[in-house]
Amino acid sequence: MILVRATIPSSEVEPVHCGDGVEAQAVRIHLANDSLVVYNIYKPPTKRLEAGELLTQATQELVLIAGDFNAHHPTINSTTRMNLDGRHLVELLTDVPEITLINTGEPTHTLGGTLDLTFISTELVPVAQWEMDDELTSDHFATTTTLRMELLPPSPRPSPRWNTKKANWKLYQDELQKWFSNYEPAEDIDQLNQDLTDAIQHAAEKAIPKTNPTNRHHKD
């Protein structure tokens, strides 16, 4: 599952094919001057990984690819015998210099081995930090990847709107009548206009409730 903070502009992306039975999710994070596509991958142990199209995404755009790949190879610090998926990934890392594995070499599983891998666009390596949390009660340790990148500023919160369907129009009229009864008209037309505007605003505040709209152009 991929969760994105509601204040961060983002959009869903159709993930590329990663092999039959391989689960993939993707979302695009909109940055100040670019975008970053984040992939979440799970490859069951009995399925074959087809990561060629996935990793070569880094030749076209900025990516962060993380997940449980169940791949074994000495290059990724696997403690078990190399498998076809591990060899496949290592060959791709050689063939596609635009993508980099940023794991530090620490085991990500309680029994040892590095099953949970994080790949990022090579140009992002200088702004990336990878860490592991070994205190969570699971057979897999949680990993955290931090990228020091500038996001788009959040969209301004929509202004509240008058809910005229729930207005108390009698109270509204009474408030304006009360104001008019005690008002001494100004000689200056601009001041007269301002006074009337203020009176209408005051009556509306008293008699008409407001809605509280929220930004809906992106999802959590």
Foldseek 3Di string as FASTA:
>chain_A
DDDDPPQFDKAWDDDDDFFPPKDKGWMWTAAPVFIEIEMEIDDPLVTATRCQVVQCVLVPGKYKYKYFQNADDVVLQAPDDGDPNNVVVVVSVVVRVQKDWDDPNFAFFPVGGNRITMMTGPVQVVQKDKDWDPPDPDRGTDMDIDGPGGGDGGDDFDDWDWPVVQFPVVQLVVQLVVCVVPDDADPDPVVNVVVSVVSNVVSSVVTTDTDRDGDDNDHD
